[in-house]
Protein backbone atom coordinates (compact mmCIF):
# COMPACT_ATOMS: atom_id res chain seq x y z
CA UNK A 1 0.00 0.00 0.00
CA UNK A 2 2.85 2.39 0.83
CA UNK A 3 4.50 1.70 -2.50
CA UNK A 4 1.24 2.48 -4.32
CA UNK A 5 0.91 5.79 -2.47
CA UNK A 6 4.55 6.63 -3.30
CA UNK A 7 3.94 5.79 -6.95
CA UNK A 8 0.96 8.13 -7.23
CA UNK A 9 2.84 10.85 -5.35
CA UNK A 10 5.82 10.53 -7.72
CA UNK A 11 3.50 10.62 -10.76
CA UNK A 12 2.00 13.83 -9.39
CA UNK A 13 5.48 15.31 -8.83
CA UNK A 14 6.50 14.36 -12.39
CA UNK A 15 3.34 15.97 -13.80
CA UNK A 16 4.03 19.16 -11.83
CA UNK A 17 7.67 19.08 -12.98
CA UNK A 18 6.58 18.73 -16.61
CA UNK A 19 4.27 21.71 -16.28
CA UNK A 20 6.75 23.96 -14.51
CA UNK A 21 9.78 22.86 -16.52
CA UNK A 22 7.92 24.01 -19.63
CA UNK A 23 8.27 27.64 -18.51
CA UNK A 24 12.10 27.75 -18.57
CA UNK A 25 12.26 25.58 -21.69
CA UNK A 26 9.90 27.93 -23.51
CA UNK A 27 11.96 30.89 -22.29
CA UNK A 28 15.23 29.28 -23.41
CA UNK A 29 13.82 28.40 -26.83
CA UNK A 30 12.39 31.88 -27.28
CA UNK A 31 15.43 33.85 -26.11
CA UNK A 32 18.07 31.83 -27.96
CA UNK A 33 16.91 32.80 -31.43
CA UNK A 34 19.43 35.17 -32.91
CA UNK A 35 17.09 38.15 -33.24
CA UNK A 36 15.89 37.89 -29.64
CA UNK A 37 19.43 37.31 -28.40
CA UNK A 38 20.61 40.51 -30.07
CA UNK A 39 17.76 42.42 -28.42
CA UNK A 40 18.60 41.00 -25.00
CA UNK A 41 22.38 41.30 -25.36
CA UNK A 42 23.18 44.24 -27.66
CA UNK A 43 26.94 43.94 -27.08
CA UNK A 44 27.13 40.74 -29.18
CA UNK A 45 26.08 42.55 -32.36
CA UNK A 46 29.69 42.93 -33.69
CA UNK A 47 30.31 39.23 -33.11
CA UNK A 48 27.08 38.20 -34.82
CA UNK A 49 27.92 40.26 -37.91
CA UNK A 50 30.67 37.75 -38.77
CA UNK A 51 29.00 35.40 -41.26
CA UNK A 52 30.60 32.20 -39.96
CA UNK A 53 29.63 32.85 -36.33
CA UNK A 54 26.13 34.01 -37.30
CA UNK A 55 25.54 30.77 -39.23
CA UNK A 56 26.67 28.63 -36.31
CA UNK A 57 24.60 30.60 -33.81
CA UNK A 58 21.47 30.49 -35.97
CA UNK A 59 21.86 26.80 -36.64
CA UNK A 60 22.92 25.34 -33.33
CA UNK A 61 22.48 27.72 -30.39
CA UNK A 62 18.81 27.00 -29.53
CA UNK A 63 19.29 23.26 -29.79
CA UNK A 64 22.48 23.22 -27.72
CA UNK A 65 20.84 25.37 -25.05
CA UNK A 66 17.92 22.96 -24.89
CA UNK A 67 20.18 19.89 -24.73
CA UNK A 68 22.26 21.42 -21.92
CA UNK A 69 19.09 22.41 -20.08
CA UNK A 70 17.69 18.88 -20.39
CA UNK A 71 20.95 17.23 -19.28
CA UNK A 72 20.03 17.88 -15.65
CA UNK A 73 16.79 15.94 -15.90
CA UNK A 74 17.76 12.21 -16.01
CA UNK A 75 19.38 12.24 -12.56
CA UNK A 76 16.30 13.89 -11.07
CA UNK A 77 13.96 11.41 -12.75
CA UNK A 78 16.12 8.50 -11.56
CA UNK A 79 15.94 9.84 -8.02
CA UNK A 80 12.16 10.03 -8.29
CA UNK A 81 11.96 6.50 -9.68
CA UNK A 82 14.03 5.17 -6.79
CA UNK A 83 11.86 7.11 -4.36
CA UNK A 84 8.84 5.24 -5.68
CA UNK A 85 10.13 2.17 -3.90
CA UNK A 86 10.99 0.17 -7.00
CA UNK A 87 13.00 -2.83 -5.78
CA UNK A 88 15.37 -3.44 -8.72
CA UNK A 89 17.83 -1.10 -10.42
CA UNK A 90 16.78 -2.14 -13.93
CA UNK A 91 13.11 -1.49 -13.18
CA UNK A 92 14.01 1.94 -11.76
CA UNK A 93 15.99 2.75 -14.92
CA UNK A 94 13.05 1.64 -17.07
CA UNK A 95 10.64 3.80 -15.02
CA UNK A 96 12.97 6.82 -15.28
CA UNK A 97 13.24 6.27 -19.05
CA UNK A 98 9.47 6.25 -19.37
CA UNK A 99 9.21 9.47 -17.40
CA UNK A 100 11.90 11.03 -19.60
CA UNK A 101 10.01 9.97 -22.73
CA UNK A 102 6.80 11.65 -21.56
CA UNK A 103 8.79 14.68 -20.52
CA UNK A 104 10.47 14.92 -23.93
CA UNK A 105 7.24 14.56 -25.85
CA UNK A 106 5.30 17.07 -23.79
CA UNK A 107 7.99 19.64 -23.15
CA UNK A 108 10.42 19.48 -26.03
CA UNK A 109 8.17 18.71 -28.95
CA UNK A 110 4.90 20.29 -27.89
CA UNK A 111 6.22 22.98 -25.55
CA UNK A 112 9.05 24.27 -27.75
CA UNK A 113 6.90 24.15 -30.87
CA UNK A 114 3.97 26.04 -29.39
CA UNK A 115 6.10 28.46 -27.39
CA UNK A 116 8.34 29.28 -30.35
CA UNK A 117 5.39 29.75 -32.68
CA UNK A 118 3.33 31.82 -30.26
CA UNK A 119 6.27 33.95 -29.12
CA UNK A 120 7.21 34.85 -32.69
CA UNK A 121 3.62 35.79 -33.55
CA UNK A 122 2.60 37.55 -30.36
CA UNK A 123 1.82 40.84 -32.12
CA UNK A 124 -0.46 39.13 -34.64
CA UNK A 125 -2.32 37.39 -31.82
CA UNK A 126 -2.79 40.68 -29.95
CA UNK A 127 -4.62 42.23 -32.87
CA UNK A 128 -6.64 39.10 -33.79
CA UNK A 129 -6.87 36.71 -30.83
CA UNK A 130 -9.32 34.45 -32.68
CA UNK A 131 -6.72 33.66 -35.35
CA UNK A 132 -4.60 31.39 -33.16
CA UNK A 133 -5.28 28.33 -35.31
CA UNK A 134 -4.23 30.02 -38.55
CA UNK A 135 -1.20 31.59 -36.88
CA UNK A 136 -0.08 28.17 -35.61
CA UNK A 137 -0.79 26.56 -38.98
CA UNK A 138 1.46 29.02 -40.80
CA UNK A 139 4.24 29.18 -38.20
CA UNK A 140 4.60 25.52 -37.18
CA UNK A 141 6.39 24.43 -40.39
CA UNK A 142 9.10 26.99 -39.62
CA UNK A 143 10.08 24.90 -36.57
CA UNK A 144 10.95 21.87 -38.69
CA UNK A 145 14.59 22.89 -39.06
CA UNK A 146 14.86 23.30 -35.28
CA UNK A 147 13.82 19.69 -34.73
CA UNK A 148 15.98 18.32 -37.54
CA UNK A 149 19.02 20.01 -36.01
CA UNK A 150 17.94 18.94 -32.51
CA UNK A 151 17.73 15.28 -33.52
CA UNK A 152 21.06 15.51 -35.37
CA UNK A 153 22.79 17.04 -32.35
CA UNK A 154 21.24 14.62 -29.90
C-alpha atoms as a PDB file:
ATOM      1  CA  UNK A   1       0.000   0.000   0.000  1.00  0.00           C
ATOM      2  CA  UNK A   2       2.851   2.386   0.831  1.00  0.00           C
ATOM      3  CA  UNK A   3       4.496   1.699  -2.499  1.00  0.00           C
ATOM      4  CA  UNK A   4       1.240   2.478  -4.322  1.00  0.00           C
ATOM      5  CA  UNK A   5       0.912   5.788  -2.467  1.00  0.00           C
ATOM      6  CA  UNK A   6       4.549   6.628  -3.297  1.00  0.00           C
ATOM      7  CA  UNK A   7       3.940   5.788  -6.951  1.00  0.00           C
ATOM      8  CA  UNK A   8       0.964   8.129  -7.230  1.00  0.00           C
ATOM      9  CA  UNK A   9       2.845  10.848  -5.351  1.00  0.00           C
ATOM     10  CA  UNK A  10       5.816  10.527  -7.723  1.00  0.00           C
ATOM     11  CA  UNK A  11       3.499  10.621 -10.755  1.00  0.00           C
ATOM     12  CA  UNK A  12       1.998  13.830  -9.394  1.00  0.00           C
ATOM     13  CA  UNK A  13       5.478  15.313  -8.830  1.00  0.00           C
ATOM     14  CA  UNK A  14       6.499  14.355 -12.386  1.00  0.00           C
ATOM     15  CA  UNK A  15       3.340  15.968 -13.800  1.00  0.00           C
ATOM     16  CA  UNK A  16       4.029  19.163 -11.834  1.00  0.00           C
ATOM     17  CA  UNK A  17       7.670  19.077 -12.979  1.00  0.00           C
ATOM     18  CA  UNK A  18       6.582  18.726 -16.611  1.00  0.00           C
ATOM     19  CA  UNK A  19       4.265  21.710 -16.280  1.00  0.00           C
ATOM     20  CA  UNK A  20       6.748  23.962 -14.511  1.00  0.00           C
ATOM     21  CA  UNK A  21       9.777  22.864 -16.522  1.00  0.00           C
ATOM     22  CA  UNK A  22       7.921  24.009 -19.629  1.00  0.00           C
ATOM     23  CA  UNK A  23       8.275  27.637 -18.515  1.00  0.00           C
ATOM     24  CA  UNK A  24      12.098  27.754 -18.569  1.00  0.00           C
ATOM     25  CA  UNK A  25      12.256  25.576 -21.691  1.00  0.00           C
ATOM     26  CA  UNK A  26       9.904  27.933 -23.515  1.00  0.00           C
ATOM     27  CA  UNK A  27      11.960  30.886 -22.286  1.00  0.00           C
ATOM     28  CA  UNK A  28      15.227  29.285 -23.412  1.00  0.00           C
ATOM     29  CA  UNK A  29      13.821  28.404 -26.831  1.00  0.00           C
ATOM     30  CA  UNK A  30      12.390  31.885 -27.283  1.00  0.00           C
ATOM     31  CA  UNK A  31      15.426  33.850 -26.106  1.00  0.00           C
ATOM     32  CA  UNK A  32      18.071  31.832 -27.961  1.00  0.00           C
ATOM     33  CA  UNK A  33      16.906  32.795 -31.426  1.00  0.00           C
ATOM     34  CA  UNK A  34      19.432  35.168 -32.911  1.00  0.00           C
ATOM     35  CA  UNK A  35      17.091  38.148 -33.236  1.00  0.00           C
ATOM     36  CA  UNK A  36      15.892  37.886 -29.640  1.00  0.00           C
ATOM     37  CA  UNK A  37      19.428  37.310 -28.405  1.00  0.00           C
ATOM     38  CA  UNK A  38      20.612  40.513 -30.071  1.00  0.00           C
ATOM     39  CA  UNK A  39      17.764  42.422 -28.416  1.00  0.00           C
ATOM     40  CA  UNK A  40      18.602  40.996 -25.005  1.00  0.00           C
ATOM     41  CA  UNK A  41      22.384  41.304 -25.364  1.00  0.00           C
ATOM     42  CA  UNK A  42      23.180  44.241 -27.660  1.00  0.00           C
ATOM     43  CA  UNK A  43      26.941  43.939 -27.082  1.00  0.00           C
ATOM     44  CA  UNK A  44      27.133  40.743 -29.175  1.00  0.00           C
ATOM     45  CA  UNK A  45      26.084  42.550 -32.361  1.00  0.00           C
ATOM     46  CA  UNK A  46      29.687  42.927 -33.691  1.00  0.00           C
ATOM     47  CA  UNK A  47      30.311  39.231 -33.106  1.00  0.00           C
ATOM     48  CA  UNK A  48      27.081  38.203 -34.825  1.00  0.00           C
ATOM     49  CA  UNK A  49      27.919  40.260 -37.908  1.00  0.00           C
ATOM     50  CA  UNK A  50      30.668  37.752 -38.766  1.00  0.00           C
ATOM     51  CA  UNK A  51      29.002  35.403 -41.259  1.00  0.00           C
ATOM     52  CA  UNK A  52      30.598  32.196 -39.961  1.00  0.00           C
ATOM     53  CA  UNK A  53      29.626  32.848 -36.332  1.00  0.00           C
ATOM     54  CA  UNK A  54      26.126  34.014 -37.298  1.00  0.00           C
ATOM     55  CA  UNK A  55      25.541  30.774 -39.230  1.00  0.00           C
ATOM     56  CA  UNK A  56      26.668  28.632 -36.311  1.00  0.00           C
ATOM     57  CA  UNK A  57      24.596  30.604 -33.807  1.00  0.00           C
ATOM     58  CA  UNK A  58      21.471  30.492 -35.967  1.00  0.00           C
ATOM     59  CA  UNK A  59      21.862  26.796 -36.645  1.00  0.00           C
ATOM     60  CA  UNK A  60      22.921  25.339 -33.331  1.00  0.00           C
ATOM     61  CA  UNK A  61      22.477  27.719 -30.387  1.00  0.00           C
ATOM     62  CA  UNK A  62      18.815  27.002 -29.527  1.00  0.00           C
ATOM     63  CA  UNK A  63      19.287  23.257 -29.785  1.00  0.00           C
ATOM     64  CA  UNK A  64      22.484  23.223 -27.718  1.00  0.00           C
ATOM     65  CA  UNK A  65      20.840  25.374 -25.054  1.00  0.00           C
ATOM     66  CA  UNK A  66      17.917  22.961 -24.893  1.00  0.00           C
ATOM     67  CA  UNK A  67      20.177  19.889 -24.732  1.00  0.00           C
ATOM     68  CA  UNK A  68      22.261  21.425 -21.925  1.00  0.00           C
ATOM     69  CA  UNK A  69      19.094  22.413 -20.082  1.00  0.00           C
ATOM     70  CA  UNK A  70      17.692  18.880 -20.386  1.00  0.00           C
ATOM     71  CA  UNK A  71      20.952  17.234 -19.278  1.00  0.00           C
ATOM     72  CA  UNK A  72      20.025  17.883 -15.650  1.00  0.00           C
ATOM     73  CA  UNK A  73      16.790  15.942 -15.901  1.00  0.00           C
ATOM     74  CA  UNK A  74      17.761  12.209 -16.007  1.00  0.00           C
ATOM     75  CA  UNK A  75      19.379  12.240 -12.563  1.00  0.00           C
ATOM     76  CA  UNK A  76      16.298  13.887 -11.065  1.00  0.00           C
ATOM     77  CA  UNK A  77      13.964  11.405 -12.753  1.00  0.00           C
ATOM     78  CA  UNK A  78      16.121   8.497 -11.564  1.00  0.00           C
ATOM     79  CA  UNK A  79      15.941   9.843  -8.015  1.00  0.00           C
ATOM     80  CA  UNK A  80      12.162  10.033  -8.289  1.00  0.00           C
ATOM     81  CA  UNK A  81      11.962   6.504  -9.681  1.00  0.00           C
ATOM     82  CA  UNK A  82      14.035   5.171  -6.788  1.00  0.00           C
ATOM     83  CA  UNK A  83      11.859   7.114  -4.359  1.00  0.00           C
ATOM     84  CA  UNK A  84       8.836   5.242  -5.682  1.00  0.00           C
ATOM     85  CA  UNK A  85      10.125   2.172  -3.903  1.00  0.00           C
ATOM     86  CA  UNK A  86      10.990   0.172  -6.997  1.00  0.00           C
ATOM     87  CA  UNK A  87      13.003  -2.829  -5.783  1.00  0.00           C
ATOM     88  CA  UNK A  88      15.373  -3.437  -8.721  1.00  0.00           C
ATOM     89  CA  UNK A  89      17.827  -1.105 -10.418  1.00  0.00           C
ATOM     90  CA  UNK A  90      16.783  -2.142 -13.931  1.00  0.00           C
ATOM     91  CA  UNK A  91      13.113  -1.487 -13.184  1.00  0.00           C
ATOM     92  CA  UNK A  92      14.010   1.943 -11.764  1.00  0.00           C
ATOM     93  CA  UNK A  93      15.985   2.749 -14.923  1.00  0.00           C
ATOM     94  CA  UNK A  94      13.049   1.644 -17.067  1.00  0.00           C
ATOM     95  CA  UNK A  95      10.644   3.797 -15.020  1.00  0.00           C
ATOM     96  CA  UNK A  96      12.970   6.821 -15.285  1.00  0.00           C
ATOM     97  CA  UNK A  97      13.244   6.271 -19.053  1.00  0.00           C
ATOM     98  CA  UNK A  98       9.470   6.250 -19.366  1.00  0.00           C
ATOM     99  CA  UNK A  99       9.213   9.471 -17.402  1.00  0.00           C
ATOM    100  CA  UNK A 100      11.904  11.032 -19.596  1.00  0.00           C
ATOM    101  CA  UNK A 101      10.012   9.974 -22.731  1.00  0.00           C
ATOM    102  CA  UNK A 102       6.797  11.654 -21.564  1.00  0.00           C
ATOM    103  CA  UNK A 103       8.793  14.680 -20.519  1.00  0.00           C
ATOM    104  CA  UNK A 104      10.469  14.919 -23.930  1.00  0.00           C
ATOM    105  CA  UNK A 105       7.242  14.561 -25.854  1.00  0.00           C
ATOM    106  CA  UNK A 106       5.301  17.068 -23.788  1.00  0.00           C
ATOM    107  CA  UNK A 107       7.993  19.645 -23.154  1.00  0.00           C
ATOM    108  CA  UNK A 108      10.418  19.482 -26.026  1.00  0.00           C
ATOM    109  CA  UNK A 109       8.173  18.708 -28.946  1.00  0.00           C
ATOM    110  CA  UNK A 110       4.896  20.287 -27.887  1.00  0.00           C
ATOM    111  CA  UNK A 111       6.223  22.983 -25.553  1.00  0.00           C
ATOM    112  CA  UNK A 112       9.047  24.269 -27.748  1.00  0.00           C
ATOM    113  CA  UNK A 113       6.896  24.149 -30.869  1.00  0.00           C
ATOM    114  CA  UNK A 114       3.972  26.036 -29.394  1.00  0.00           C
ATOM    115  CA  UNK A 115       6.099  28.460 -27.394  1.00  0.00           C
ATOM    116  CA  UNK A 116       8.338  29.276 -30.348  1.00  0.00           C
ATOM    117  CA  UNK A 117       5.386  29.748 -32.675  1.00  0.00           C
ATOM    118  CA  UNK A 118       3.330  31.825 -30.262  1.00  0.00           C
ATOM    119  CA  UNK A 119       6.274  33.945 -29.119  1.00  0.00           C
ATOM    120  CA  UNK A 120       7.211  34.846 -32.689  1.00  0.00           C
ATOM    121  CA  UNK A 121       3.622  35.790 -33.553  1.00  0.00           C
ATOM    122  CA  UNK A 122       2.605  37.552 -30.361  1.00  0.00           C
ATOM    123  CA  UNK A 123       1.817  40.837 -32.117  1.00  0.00           C
ATOM    124  CA  UNK A 124      -0.462  39.126 -34.638  1.00  0.00           C
ATOM    125  CA  UNK A 125      -2.318  37.394 -31.825  1.00  0.00           C
ATOM    126  CA  UNK A 126      -2.789  40.678 -29.954  1.00  0.00           C
ATOM    127  CA  UNK A 127      -4.620  42.229 -32.872  1.00  0.00           C
ATOM    128  CA  UNK A 128      -6.638  39.099 -33.794  1.00  0.00           C
ATOM    129  CA  UNK A 129      -6.875  36.712 -30.832  1.00  0.00           C
ATOM    130  CA  UNK A 130      -9.317  34.451 -32.681  1.00  0.00           C
ATOM    131  CA  UNK A 131      -6.725  33.663 -35.354  1.00  0.00           C
ATOM    132  CA  UNK A 132      -4.595  31.394 -33.161  1.00  0.00           C
ATOM    133  CA  UNK A 133      -5.283  28.328 -35.308  1.00  0.00           C
ATOM    134  CA  UNK A 134      -4.233  30.022 -38.545  1.00  0.00           C
ATOM    135  CA  UNK A 135      -1.195  31.585 -36.880  1.00  0.00           C
ATOM    136  CA  UNK A 136      -0.076  28.171 -35.614  1.00  0.00           C
ATOM    137  CA  UNK A 137      -0.789  26.562 -38.981  1.00  0.00           C
ATOM    138  CA  UNK A 138       1.458  29.024 -40.796  1.00  0.00           C
ATOM    139  CA  UNK A 139       4.242  29.183 -38.202  1.00  0.00           C
ATOM    140  CA  UNK A 140       4.600  25.516 -37.184  1.00  0.00           C
ATOM    141  CA  UNK A 141       6.390  24.427 -40.390  1.00  0.00           C
ATOM    142  CA  UNK A 142       9.103  26.986 -39.623  1.00  0.00           C
ATOM    143  CA  UNK A 143      10.083  24.904 -36.571  1.00  0.00           C
ATOM    144  CA  UNK A 144      10.948  21.866 -38.689  1.00  0.00           C
ATOM    145  CA  UNK A 145      14.590  22.893 -39.061  1.00  0.00           C
ATOM    146  CA  UNK A 146      14.863  23.299 -35.280  1.00  0.00           C
ATOM    147  CA  UNK A 147      13.823  19.691 -34.728  1.00  0.00           C
ATOM    148  CA  UNK A 148      15.984  18.319 -37.539  1.00  0.00           C
ATOM    149  CA  UNK A 149      19.017  20.006 -36.015  1.00  0.00           C
ATOM    150  CA  UNK A 150      17.941  18.944 -32.505  1.00  0.00           C
ATOM    151  CA  UNK A 151      17.732  15.285 -33.518  1.00  0.00           C
ATOM    152  CA  UNK A 152      21.058  15.507 -35.368  1.00  0.00           C
ATOM    153  CA  UNK A 153      22.791  17.043 -32.349  1.00  0.00           C
ATOM    154  CA  UNK A 154      21.239  14.618 -29.898  1.00  0.00           C
END
